[in-house]
């Protein structure tokens, strides 16, 4: 999208995902998408299933956090049951589509980085490694901001204090660039990198 219609973006947030995926993570995604249950008779069963599936990524979640997660990712059916709220065709797309080459992914990332981009990484993530995130900074040093959310895997919920801070900083930068009109598009230097920590 960024390569084809660059004017529609003023900034972007990449939540725990980069232009590369470790091989182990790729296999895990396909397995989880294919085997994950998608329908439950009620809230308790949905919480039980999703907490079991995502406990490793969110080891500090309590009952309220899991209830909030269910409310975000599920829809209530007419009979009161709950279903994951996403298009199931994503499964066939993931399984059948020819994946883009790594270089095509990096080219897409660099096209996106014509505007400020925030890369958020969960410190426990297996999808976005510190090495891949460092390479993102190396390949787009003037556009990329980074934040690491402690104690979280894939994916941060974006209401963590570190994530809120980083998102607000990105929005402030976008507004400032639009207001003064003098900064080069994506003109973020080393001084504007975000290093969120516990």
N, C-alpha and C. Protein backbone atom coordinates (compact mmCIF):
# COMPACT_ATOMS: atom_id res chain seq x y z
N UNK A 1 0.83 -1.20 0.00
CA UNK A 1 0.00 0.00 0.00
C UNK A 1 0.86 1.25 0.00
N UNK A 2 1.92 1.22 0.81
CA UNK A 2 2.79 2.39 0.89
C UNK A 2 3.49 2.66 -0.42
N UNK A 3 3.86 1.60 -1.14
CA UNK A 3 4.53 1.77 -2.42
C UNK A 3 3.56 2.27 -3.49
N UNK A 4 2.31 1.78 -3.45
CA UNK A 4 1.35 2.11 -4.50
C UNK A 4 0.64 3.43 -4.25
N UNK A 5 0.36 3.74 -2.99
CA UNK A 5 -0.36 4.97 -2.65
C UNK A 5 0.30 5.65 -1.45
N UNK A 6 1.50 6.14 -1.62
CA UNK A 6 2.24 6.69 -0.47
C UNK A 6 1.57 7.88 0.19
N UNK A 7 0.73 8.61 -0.51
CA UNK A 7 0.15 9.82 0.06
C UNK A 7 -0.94 9.53 1.10
N UNK A 8 -1.40 8.29 1.20
CA UNK A 8 -2.47 8.02 2.16
C UNK A 8 -1.92 7.81 3.58
N UNK A 9 -0.60 7.72 3.74
CA UNK A 9 -0.01 7.50 5.05
C UNK A 9 0.64 8.77 5.59
N UNK A 10 0.40 9.05 6.86
CA UNK A 10 1.17 10.10 7.54
C UNK A 10 2.05 9.48 8.63
N UNK A 11 1.80 8.21 8.94
CA UNK A 11 2.59 7.50 9.93
C UNK A 11 2.03 6.08 10.04
N UNK A 12 2.75 5.23 10.75
CA UNK A 12 2.30 3.85 10.88
C UNK A 12 2.86 3.24 12.16
N UNK A 13 2.12 2.28 12.69
CA UNK A 13 2.57 1.51 13.85
C UNK A 13 2.60 0.04 13.44
N UNK A 14 3.74 -0.60 13.64
CA UNK A 14 3.88 -2.03 13.40
C UNK A 14 3.94 -2.70 14.76
N UNK A 15 2.89 -3.46 15.08
CA UNK A 15 2.79 -4.06 16.40
C UNK A 15 3.38 -5.46 16.39
N UNK A 16 4.62 -5.57 16.85
CA UNK A 16 5.30 -6.85 17.03
C UNK A 16 5.39 -7.64 15.74
N UNK A 17 5.73 -6.95 14.68
CA UNK A 17 5.88 -7.60 13.38
C UNK A 17 6.88 -6.80 12.55
N UNK A 18 7.69 -7.50 11.80
CA UNK A 18 8.67 -6.82 10.95
C UNK A 18 8.68 -7.42 9.56
N UNK A 19 9.62 -6.98 8.73
CA UNK A 19 9.70 -7.49 7.36
C UNK A 19 10.17 -8.93 7.27
N UNK A 20 10.68 -9.47 8.36
CA UNK A 20 11.10 -10.86 8.39
C UNK A 20 10.41 -11.58 9.54
N UNK A 21 10.20 -12.88 9.36
CA UNK A 21 9.71 -13.74 10.43
C UNK A 21 10.70 -14.88 10.62
N UNK A 22 11.12 -15.13 11.85
CA UNK A 22 11.95 -16.31 12.08
C UNK A 22 11.22 -17.57 11.61
N UNK A 23 11.99 -18.55 11.11
CA UNK A 23 11.39 -19.76 10.55
C UNK A 23 10.50 -20.45 11.58
N UNK A 24 10.96 -20.53 12.81
CA UNK A 24 10.17 -21.20 13.86
C UNK A 24 8.85 -20.47 14.07
N UNK A 25 8.88 -19.14 14.01
CA UNK A 25 7.66 -18.36 14.20
C UNK A 25 6.68 -18.58 13.05
N UNK A 26 7.20 -18.68 11.82
CA UNK A 26 6.32 -18.92 10.68
C UNK A 26 5.54 -20.22 10.84
N UNK A 27 6.23 -21.27 11.24
CA UNK A 27 5.57 -22.55 11.44
C UNK A 27 4.54 -22.46 12.55
N UNK A 28 4.85 -21.73 13.60
CA UNK A 28 3.94 -21.59 14.72
C UNK A 28 2.67 -20.86 14.35
N UNK A 29 2.77 -19.84 13.50
CA UNK A 29 1.60 -19.09 13.07
C UNK A 29 0.64 -20.00 12.31
N UNK A 30 1.17 -20.74 11.35
CA UNK A 30 0.33 -21.63 10.57
C UNK A 30 -0.36 -22.66 11.45
N UNK A 31 0.37 -23.18 12.40
CA UNK A 31 -0.19 -24.19 13.30
C UNK A 31 -1.29 -23.60 14.17
N UNK A 32 -1.05 -22.41 14.73
CA UNK A 32 -2.05 -21.80 15.61
C UNK A 32 -3.31 -21.43 14.84
N UNK A 33 -3.14 -20.88 13.64
CA UNK A 33 -4.31 -20.48 12.86
C UNK A 33 -5.16 -21.68 12.50
N UNK A 34 -4.51 -22.79 12.17
CA UNK A 34 -5.25 -23.94 11.73
C UNK A 34 -5.92 -24.71 12.86
N UNK A 35 -5.33 -24.69 14.04
CA UNK A 35 -5.81 -25.55 15.13
C UNK A 35 -6.59 -24.80 16.21
N UNK A 36 -6.62 -23.50 16.12
CA UNK A 36 -7.26 -22.73 17.18
C UNK A 36 -8.78 -22.86 17.11
N UNK A 37 -9.44 -23.20 18.25
CA UNK A 37 -10.91 -23.19 18.26
C UNK A 37 -11.44 -21.79 18.02
N UNK A 38 -12.61 -21.70 17.41
CA UNK A 38 -13.13 -20.40 17.02
C UNK A 38 -14.52 -20.10 17.57
N UNK A 39 -15.08 -21.00 18.36
CA UNK A 39 -16.45 -20.81 18.84
C UNK A 39 -16.61 -21.46 20.21
N UNK A 40 -17.30 -20.74 21.12
CA UNK A 40 -17.51 -21.24 22.48
C UNK A 40 -18.94 -20.94 22.93
N UNK A 41 -19.49 -21.79 23.80
CA UNK A 41 -20.87 -21.58 24.24
C UNK A 41 -21.06 -20.35 25.11
N UNK A 42 -20.00 -19.86 25.77
CA UNK A 42 -20.16 -18.69 26.63
C UNK A 42 -18.84 -18.06 26.99
N UNK A 43 -18.91 -17.01 27.79
CA UNK A 43 -17.74 -16.22 28.15
C UNK A 43 -16.70 -17.06 28.89
N UNK A 44 -17.14 -17.86 29.86
CA UNK A 44 -16.19 -18.63 30.66
C UNK A 44 -15.35 -19.55 29.77
N UNK A 45 -15.99 -20.24 28.83
CA UNK A 45 -15.27 -21.16 27.96
C UNK A 45 -14.30 -20.42 27.04
N UNK A 46 -14.73 -19.23 26.56
CA UNK A 46 -13.85 -18.45 25.70
C UNK A 46 -12.62 -17.97 26.47
N UNK A 47 -12.84 -17.49 27.70
CA UNK A 47 -11.71 -17.05 28.52
C UNK A 47 -10.78 -18.21 28.80
N UNK A 48 -11.33 -19.35 29.14
CA UNK A 48 -10.52 -20.52 29.45
C UNK A 48 -9.65 -20.93 28.25
N UNK A 49 -10.25 -20.93 27.06
CA UNK A 49 -9.53 -21.34 25.86
C UNK A 49 -8.45 -20.33 25.47
N UNK A 50 -8.80 -19.05 25.45
CA UNK A 50 -7.85 -18.04 25.01
C UNK A 50 -6.73 -17.84 26.02
N UNK A 51 -7.05 -17.96 27.30
CA UNK A 51 -5.99 -17.83 28.30
C UNK A 51 -5.01 -18.99 28.22
N UNK A 52 -5.51 -20.19 27.92
CA UNK A 52 -4.61 -21.33 27.74
C UNK A 52 -3.73 -21.16 26.51
N UNK A 53 -4.31 -20.60 25.45
CA UNK A 53 -3.59 -20.44 24.20
C UNK A 53 -2.54 -19.34 24.26
N UNK A 54 -2.85 -18.27 24.99
CA UNK A 54 -1.99 -17.08 24.96
C UNK A 54 -1.30 -16.79 26.29
N UNK A 55 -1.33 -17.75 27.22
CA UNK A 55 -0.73 -17.51 28.53
C UNK A 55 0.76 -17.20 28.43
N UNK A 56 1.44 -17.84 27.51
CA UNK A 56 2.89 -17.62 27.37
C UNK A 56 3.19 -16.20 26.92
N UNK A 57 2.33 -15.65 26.08
CA UNK A 57 2.54 -14.29 25.57
C UNK A 57 2.14 -13.23 26.59
N UNK A 58 1.21 -13.58 27.50
CA UNK A 58 0.72 -12.61 28.50
C UNK A 58 0.76 -13.24 29.89
N UNK A 59 1.96 -13.50 30.40
CA UNK A 59 2.08 -14.22 31.68
C UNK A 59 1.55 -13.46 32.88
N UNK A 60 1.37 -12.15 32.74
CA UNK A 60 0.94 -11.34 33.88
C UNK A 60 -0.55 -10.99 33.83
N UNK A 61 -1.26 -11.50 32.87
CA UNK A 61 -2.69 -11.20 32.77
C UNK A 61 -3.45 -11.79 33.97
N UNK A 62 -4.43 -11.02 34.46
CA UNK A 62 -5.34 -11.54 35.47
C UNK A 62 -6.71 -11.78 34.82
N UNK A 63 -7.70 -12.14 35.63
CA UNK A 63 -9.02 -12.47 35.09
C UNK A 63 -9.63 -11.30 34.32
N UNK A 64 -9.47 -10.08 34.83
CA UNK A 64 -10.01 -8.92 34.13
C UNK A 64 -9.35 -8.71 32.78
N UNK A 65 -8.04 -8.94 32.72
CA UNK A 65 -7.32 -8.79 31.45
C UNK A 65 -7.82 -9.78 30.41
N UNK A 66 -8.03 -11.03 30.83
CA UNK A 66 -8.51 -12.04 29.89
C UNK A 66 -9.94 -11.73 29.43
N UNK A 67 -10.77 -11.23 30.34
CA UNK A 67 -12.13 -10.85 29.95
C UNK A 67 -12.09 -9.73 28.92
N UNK A 68 -11.22 -8.75 29.14
CA UNK A 68 -11.08 -7.64 28.20
C UNK A 68 -10.58 -8.13 26.85
N UNK A 69 -9.63 -9.07 26.85
CA UNK A 69 -9.13 -9.61 25.59
C UNK A 69 -10.24 -10.31 24.81
N UNK A 70 -11.04 -11.11 25.51
CA UNK A 70 -12.15 -11.80 24.85
C UNK A 70 -13.11 -10.79 24.22
N UNK A 71 -13.37 -9.70 24.95
CA UNK A 71 -14.30 -8.69 24.41
C UNK A 71 -13.74 -8.01 23.16
N UNK A 72 -12.42 -7.99 23.04
CA UNK A 72 -11.80 -7.35 21.88
C UNK A 72 -11.77 -8.26 20.66
N UNK A 73 -11.60 -9.56 20.88
CA UNK A 73 -11.34 -10.44 19.74
C UNK A 73 -12.54 -11.32 19.39
N UNK A 74 -13.60 -11.28 20.19
CA UNK A 74 -14.76 -12.13 19.94
C UNK A 74 -16.01 -11.30 19.68
N UNK A 75 -16.95 -11.91 18.99
CA UNK A 75 -18.27 -11.31 18.80
C UNK A 75 -19.31 -12.23 19.43
N UNK A 76 -20.38 -11.63 19.93
CA UNK A 76 -21.46 -12.42 20.53
C UNK A 76 -22.48 -12.76 19.46
N UNK A 77 -22.81 -14.05 19.39
CA UNK A 77 -23.81 -14.50 18.42
C UNK A 77 -25.22 -14.33 19.00
N UNK A 78 -26.23 -14.54 18.17
CA UNK A 78 -27.62 -14.35 18.59
C UNK A 78 -28.01 -15.25 19.75
N UNK A 79 -27.39 -16.42 19.85
CA UNK A 79 -27.73 -17.35 20.92
C UNK A 79 -26.89 -17.15 22.18
N UNK A 80 -26.08 -16.10 22.19
CA UNK A 80 -25.27 -15.81 23.36
C UNK A 80 -23.90 -16.46 23.35
N UNK A 81 -23.62 -17.30 22.37
CA UNK A 81 -22.30 -17.91 22.25
C UNK A 81 -21.31 -16.87 21.71
N UNK A 82 -20.03 -17.21 21.76
CA UNK A 82 -18.98 -16.29 21.32
C UNK A 82 -18.15 -16.93 20.22
N UNK A 83 -17.80 -16.12 19.22
CA UNK A 83 -16.95 -16.57 18.13
C UNK A 83 -15.81 -15.58 17.93
N UNK A 84 -14.65 -16.10 17.53
CA UNK A 84 -13.56 -15.19 17.17
C UNK A 84 -14.02 -14.31 16.02
N UNK A 85 -13.75 -13.04 16.12
CA UNK A 85 -14.26 -12.08 15.15
C UNK A 85 -13.19 -11.77 14.10
N UNK A 86 -13.00 -12.71 13.20
CA UNK A 86 -12.09 -12.47 12.08
C UNK A 86 -12.57 -13.31 10.90
N UNK A 87 -12.06 -12.98 9.72
CA UNK A 87 -12.47 -13.67 8.51
C UNK A 87 -11.77 -15.02 8.43
N UNK A 88 -12.49 -16.14 8.50
CA UNK A 88 -11.83 -17.45 8.46
C UNK A 88 -11.10 -17.72 7.15
N UNK A 89 -11.39 -16.95 6.10
CA UNK A 89 -10.70 -17.15 4.83
C UNK A 89 -9.21 -16.81 4.93
N UNK A 90 -8.84 -16.10 6.02
CA UNK A 90 -7.42 -15.81 6.21
C UNK A 90 -6.63 -17.10 6.32
N UNK A 91 -7.27 -18.16 6.78
CA UNK A 91 -6.58 -19.45 6.92
C UNK A 91 -6.17 -19.99 5.55
N UNK A 92 -7.10 -19.97 4.60
CA UNK A 92 -6.77 -20.49 3.27
C UNK A 92 -5.79 -19.57 2.56
N UNK A 93 -5.91 -18.27 2.79
CA UNK A 93 -4.98 -17.34 2.18
C UNK A 93 -3.57 -17.60 2.69
N UNK A 94 -3.46 -17.78 3.99
CA UNK A 94 -2.15 -18.03 4.58
C UNK A 94 -1.57 -19.34 4.07
N UNK A 95 -2.41 -20.35 3.92
CA UNK A 95 -1.93 -21.67 3.53
C UNK A 95 -1.58 -21.75 2.04
N UNK A 96 -2.32 -21.02 1.20
CA UNK A 96 -2.19 -21.20 -0.24
C UNK A 96 -1.39 -20.12 -0.96
N UNK A 97 -1.26 -18.96 -0.34
CA UNK A 97 -0.59 -17.86 -1.04
C UNK A 97 0.92 -18.10 -1.10
N UNK A 98 1.51 -17.71 -2.22
CA UNK A 98 2.96 -17.75 -2.33
C UNK A 98 3.52 -16.59 -1.52
N UNK A 99 4.35 -16.87 -0.54
CA UNK A 99 4.84 -15.78 0.30
C UNK A 99 5.77 -14.85 -0.47
N UNK A 100 5.75 -13.56 -0.17
CA UNK A 100 6.70 -12.65 -0.81
C UNK A 100 8.12 -12.99 -0.37
N UNK A 101 9.06 -12.63 -1.18
CA UNK A 101 10.46 -12.87 -0.83
C UNK A 101 10.87 -11.91 0.29
N UNK A 102 11.91 -12.26 1.05
CA UNK A 102 12.38 -11.34 2.10
C UNK A 102 12.70 -9.95 1.56
N UNK A 103 13.32 -9.91 0.38
CA UNK A 103 13.68 -8.59 -0.15
C UNK A 103 12.44 -7.78 -0.52
N UNK A 104 11.39 -8.44 -1.02
CA UNK A 104 10.14 -7.73 -1.30
C UNK A 104 9.53 -7.17 -0.02
N UNK A 105 9.62 -7.94 1.06
CA UNK A 105 9.11 -7.46 2.34
C UNK A 105 9.91 -6.24 2.81
N UNK A 106 11.23 -6.29 2.68
CA UNK A 106 12.05 -5.16 3.10
C UNK A 106 11.78 -3.94 2.22
N UNK A 107 11.56 -4.15 0.94
CA UNK A 107 11.24 -3.03 0.05
C UNK A 107 9.92 -2.38 0.46
N UNK A 108 8.94 -3.20 0.83
CA UNK A 108 7.67 -2.65 1.31
C UNK A 108 7.85 -1.87 2.59
N UNK A 109 8.66 -2.39 3.48
CA UNK A 109 8.94 -1.69 4.74
C UNK A 109 9.60 -0.34 4.47
N UNK A 110 10.59 -0.32 3.59
CA UNK A 110 11.29 0.92 3.29
C UNK A 110 10.37 1.93 2.61
N UNK A 111 9.43 1.46 1.80
CA UNK A 111 8.45 2.37 1.19
C UNK A 111 7.57 2.99 2.27
N UNK A 112 7.17 2.19 3.25
CA UNK A 112 6.36 2.69 4.36
C UNK A 112 7.11 3.75 5.15
N UNK A 113 8.42 3.58 5.23
CA UNK A 113 9.23 4.47 6.07
C UNK A 113 9.50 5.83 5.43
N UNK A 114 8.73 6.18 4.40
CA UNK A 114 8.73 7.56 3.93
C UNK A 114 8.04 8.45 4.96
N UNK A 115 7.32 7.84 5.90
CA UNK A 115 6.67 8.56 6.99
C UNK A 115 7.19 7.97 8.30
N UNK A 116 6.95 8.65 9.43
CA UNK A 116 7.38 8.09 10.72
C UNK A 116 6.69 6.75 11.00
N UNK A 117 7.47 5.79 11.45
CA UNK A 117 6.97 4.45 11.76
C UNK A 117 7.42 4.07 13.16
N UNK A 118 6.49 3.57 13.95
CA UNK A 118 6.79 3.07 15.28
C UNK A 118 6.76 1.55 15.25
N UNK A 119 7.86 0.94 15.65
CA UNK A 119 7.94 -0.50 15.77
C UNK A 119 7.85 -0.87 17.25
N UNK A 120 6.76 -1.54 17.61
CA UNK A 120 6.56 -1.99 18.99
C UNK A 120 6.87 -3.48 19.05
N UNK A 121 7.70 -3.87 20.02
CA UNK A 121 8.07 -5.28 20.18
C UNK A 121 7.78 -5.74 21.60
N UNK A 122 7.14 -6.89 21.73
CA UNK A 122 7.00 -7.50 23.04
C UNK A 122 8.32 -8.17 23.41
N UNK A 123 8.78 -7.96 24.62
CA UNK A 123 10.10 -8.49 24.99
C UNK A 123 10.15 -10.01 24.95
N UNK A 124 8.99 -10.68 25.04
CA UNK A 124 8.95 -12.14 25.00
C UNK A 124 8.59 -12.66 23.60
N UNK A 125 8.49 -11.79 22.63
CA UNK A 125 8.01 -12.16 21.31
C UNK A 125 8.96 -13.10 20.60
N UNK A 126 8.38 -14.06 19.86
CA UNK A 126 9.15 -14.91 18.97
C UNK A 126 8.98 -14.49 17.51
N UNK A 127 8.10 -13.51 17.26
CA UNK A 127 7.84 -13.07 15.90
C UNK A 127 8.75 -11.92 15.48
N UNK A 128 9.01 -11.01 16.40
CA UNK A 128 9.90 -9.89 16.11
C UNK A 128 11.06 -9.96 17.07
N UNK A 129 12.21 -10.36 16.58
CA UNK A 129 13.38 -10.51 17.43
C UNK A 129 14.11 -9.18 17.56
N UNK A 130 14.94 -9.02 18.59
CA UNK A 130 15.74 -7.79 18.69
C UNK A 130 16.61 -7.57 17.46
N UNK A 131 17.11 -8.66 16.87
CA UNK A 131 17.95 -8.52 15.68
C UNK A 131 17.20 -7.97 14.49
N UNK A 132 15.98 -8.46 14.26
CA UNK A 132 15.18 -7.95 13.14
C UNK A 132 14.81 -6.49 13.37
N UNK A 133 14.44 -6.15 14.60
CA UNK A 133 14.09 -4.77 14.89
C UNK A 133 15.31 -3.86 14.71
N UNK A 134 16.48 -4.32 15.10
CA UNK A 134 17.70 -3.54 14.90
C UNK A 134 17.97 -3.33 13.42
N UNK A 135 17.72 -4.33 12.60
CA UNK A 135 17.90 -4.19 11.16
C UNK A 135 16.90 -3.19 10.58
N UNK A 136 15.69 -3.15 11.13
CA UNK A 136 14.72 -2.15 10.69
C UNK A 136 15.25 -0.75 10.95
N UNK A 137 15.83 -0.54 12.11
CA UNK A 137 16.42 0.77 12.43
C UNK A 137 17.57 1.06 11.48
N UNK A 138 18.39 0.05 11.19
CA UNK A 138 19.54 0.24 10.31
C UNK A 138 19.11 0.63 8.90
N UNK A 139 18.03 0.05 8.42
CA UNK A 139 17.60 0.30 7.04
C UNK A 139 16.72 1.53 6.90
N UNK A 140 16.20 2.05 7.98
CA UNK A 140 15.37 3.26 7.92
C UNK A 140 15.62 4.11 9.17
N UNK A 141 16.87 4.53 9.39
CA UNK A 141 17.21 5.19 10.66
C UNK A 141 16.51 6.51 10.91
N UNK A 142 16.12 7.21 9.85
CA UNK A 142 15.49 8.52 10.05
C UNK A 142 13.98 8.43 10.23
N UNK A 143 13.41 7.27 10.00
CA UNK A 143 11.95 7.13 10.09
C UNK A 143 11.49 6.28 11.25
N UNK A 144 12.30 5.34 11.68
CA UNK A 144 11.82 4.32 12.60
C UNK A 144 12.02 4.71 14.06
N UNK A 145 10.97 4.55 14.83
CA UNK A 145 11.04 4.66 16.29
C UNK A 145 10.81 3.26 16.84
N UNK A 146 11.40 2.96 17.98
CA UNK A 146 11.21 1.62 18.54
C UNK A 146 10.80 1.71 20.00
N UNK A 147 10.02 0.72 20.41
CA UNK A 147 9.64 0.58 21.82
C UNK A 147 9.52 -0.90 22.12
N UNK A 148 10.06 -1.31 23.26
CA UNK A 148 9.94 -2.69 23.71
C UNK A 148 9.07 -2.73 24.95
N UNK A 149 8.07 -3.60 24.92
CA UNK A 149 7.13 -3.72 26.03
C UNK A 149 7.57 -4.89 26.90
N UNK A 150 7.96 -4.65 28.14
CA UNK A 150 8.49 -5.73 28.98
C UNK A 150 7.41 -6.73 29.40
N UNK A 151 7.82 -8.00 29.49
CA UNK A 151 6.94 -9.03 30.02
C UNK A 151 5.77 -9.41 29.14
N UNK A 152 5.87 -9.14 27.83
CA UNK A 152 4.76 -9.40 26.90
C UNK A 152 5.32 -10.10 25.67
N UNK A 153 4.56 -11.07 25.15
CA UNK A 153 4.92 -11.71 23.89
C UNK A 153 4.12 -11.13 22.75
N UNK A 154 3.74 -11.98 21.80
CA UNK A 154 2.97 -11.51 20.65
C UNK A 154 1.47 -11.67 20.92
N UNK A 155 0.77 -10.58 20.88
CA UNK A 155 1.25 -9.24 20.59
C UNK A 155 0.85 -8.32 21.74
N UNK A 156 1.63 -7.26 21.97
CA UNK A 156 1.19 -6.28 22.95
C UNK A 156 -0.22 -5.79 22.65
N UNK A 157 -0.98 -5.51 23.70
CA UNK A 157 -2.36 -5.06 23.52
C UNK A 157 -2.45 -3.57 23.21
N UNK A 158 -1.33 -2.88 23.35
CA UNK A 158 -1.18 -1.44 23.07
C UNK A 158 -1.82 -0.56 24.14
N UNK A 159 -2.30 -1.14 25.24
CA UNK A 159 -2.71 -0.30 26.35
C UNK A 159 -1.69 -0.37 27.49
N UNK A 160 -0.58 -1.06 27.28
CA UNK A 160 0.50 -1.04 28.25
C UNK A 160 1.07 0.38 28.34
N UNK A 161 1.48 0.83 29.53
CA UNK A 161 1.98 2.21 29.66
C UNK A 161 3.10 2.54 28.67
N UNK A 162 4.01 1.59 28.44
CA UNK A 162 5.11 1.85 27.51
C UNK A 162 4.61 2.01 26.08
N UNK A 163 3.58 1.24 25.72
CA UNK A 163 3.02 1.37 24.38
C UNK A 163 2.28 2.69 24.22
N UNK A 164 1.51 3.07 25.23
CA UNK A 164 0.78 4.34 25.18
C UNK A 164 1.76 5.51 25.04
N UNK A 165 2.84 5.46 25.81
CA UNK A 165 3.86 6.51 25.74
C UNK A 165 4.45 6.59 24.33
N UNK A 166 4.80 5.44 23.77
CA UNK A 166 5.41 5.42 22.44
C UNK A 166 4.45 5.90 21.37
N UNK A 167 3.19 5.47 21.44
CA UNK A 167 2.20 5.89 20.45
C UNK A 167 1.96 7.39 20.53
N UNK A 168 1.87 7.92 21.75
CA UNK A 168 1.69 9.37 21.90
C UNK A 168 2.87 10.14 21.34
N UNK A 169 4.08 9.61 21.54
CA UNK A 169 5.26 10.27 21.00
C UNK A 169 5.24 10.28 19.48
N UNK A 170 4.81 9.16 18.88
CA UNK A 170 4.70 9.11 17.42
C UNK A 170 3.66 10.11 16.92
N UNK A 171 2.51 10.16 17.57
CA UNK A 171 1.46 11.09 17.16
C UNK A 171 1.92 12.54 17.31
N UNK A 172 2.62 12.83 18.41
CA UNK A 172 3.16 14.18 18.60
C UNK A 172 4.11 14.55 17.47
N UNK A 173 4.94 13.62 17.05
CA UNK A 173 5.90 13.89 15.98
C UNK A 173 5.18 14.13 14.66
N UNK A 174 4.16 13.33 14.38
CA UNK A 174 3.41 13.50 13.13
C UNK A 174 2.74 14.87 13.10
N UNK A 175 2.11 15.24 14.22
CA UNK A 175 1.44 16.55 14.30
C UNK A 175 2.45 17.68 14.15
N UNK A 176 3.60 17.55 14.81
CA UNK A 176 4.62 18.60 14.73
C UNK A 176 5.13 18.77 13.30
N UNK A 177 5.35 17.66 12.61
CA UNK A 177 5.84 17.74 11.23
C UNK A 177 4.78 18.38 10.33
N UNK A 178 3.52 18.02 10.56
CA UNK A 178 2.46 18.61 9.75
C UNK A 178 2.33 20.10 10.01
N UNK A 179 2.54 20.49 11.28
CA UNK A 179 2.37 21.90 11.65
C UNK A 179 3.48 22.78 11.10
N UNK A 180 4.73 22.33 11.20
CA UNK A 180 5.81 23.22 10.76
C UNK A 180 6.13 23.05 9.28
N UNK A 181 5.78 21.89 8.72
CA UNK A 181 5.95 21.70 7.28
C UNK A 181 7.38 21.77 6.81
N UNK A 182 8.32 21.90 7.73
CA UNK A 182 9.70 22.09 7.31
C UNK A 182 10.53 20.81 7.41
N UNK A 183 10.05 19.86 8.23
CA UNK A 183 10.82 18.63 8.39
C UNK A 183 10.67 17.76 7.16
N UNK A 184 11.73 17.14 6.78
CA UNK A 184 11.67 16.19 5.68
C UNK A 184 10.76 15.04 6.08
N UNK A 185 9.99 14.50 5.15
CA UNK A 185 9.09 13.40 5.47
C UNK A 185 9.88 12.27 6.10
N UNK A 186 9.40 11.83 7.23
CA UNK A 186 10.10 10.76 7.93
C UNK A 186 11.35 11.24 8.62
N UNK A 187 11.49 12.53 8.83
CA UNK A 187 12.71 13.10 9.37
C UNK A 187 12.88 12.90 10.85
N UNK A 188 13.02 11.69 11.29
CA UNK A 188 13.26 11.39 12.70
C UNK A 188 14.71 10.95 12.84
N UNK A 189 15.45 11.59 13.74
CA UNK A 189 16.84 11.21 13.91
C UNK A 189 17.00 10.38 15.18
N UNK A 190 18.25 10.09 15.51
CA UNK A 190 18.52 9.25 16.66
C UNK A 190 17.96 9.81 17.96
N UNK A 191 17.85 11.12 18.06
CA UNK A 191 17.38 11.74 19.29
C UNK A 191 15.90 11.50 19.55
N UNK A 192 15.18 11.06 18.50
CA UNK A 192 13.74 10.87 18.66
C UNK A 192 13.37 9.39 18.84
N UNK A 193 14.37 8.52 18.89
CA UNK A 193 14.08 7.11 19.10
C UNK A 193 13.56 6.89 20.50
N UNK A 194 12.56 6.06 20.61
CA UNK A 194 11.94 5.78 21.90
C UNK A 194 12.52 4.49 22.43
N UNK A 195 12.96 4.50 23.66
CA UNK A 195 13.42 3.28 24.31
C UNK A 195 12.58 3.08 25.56
N UNK A 196 11.42 2.48 25.41
CA UNK A 196 10.54 2.24 26.54
C UNK A 196 11.08 1.07 27.36
N UNK A 197 11.08 1.22 28.66
CA UNK A 197 11.57 0.14 29.52
C UNK A 197 10.72 0.09 30.77
N UNK A 198 10.93 -0.96 31.56
CA UNK A 198 10.14 -1.11 32.78
C UNK A 198 10.46 -0.01 33.76
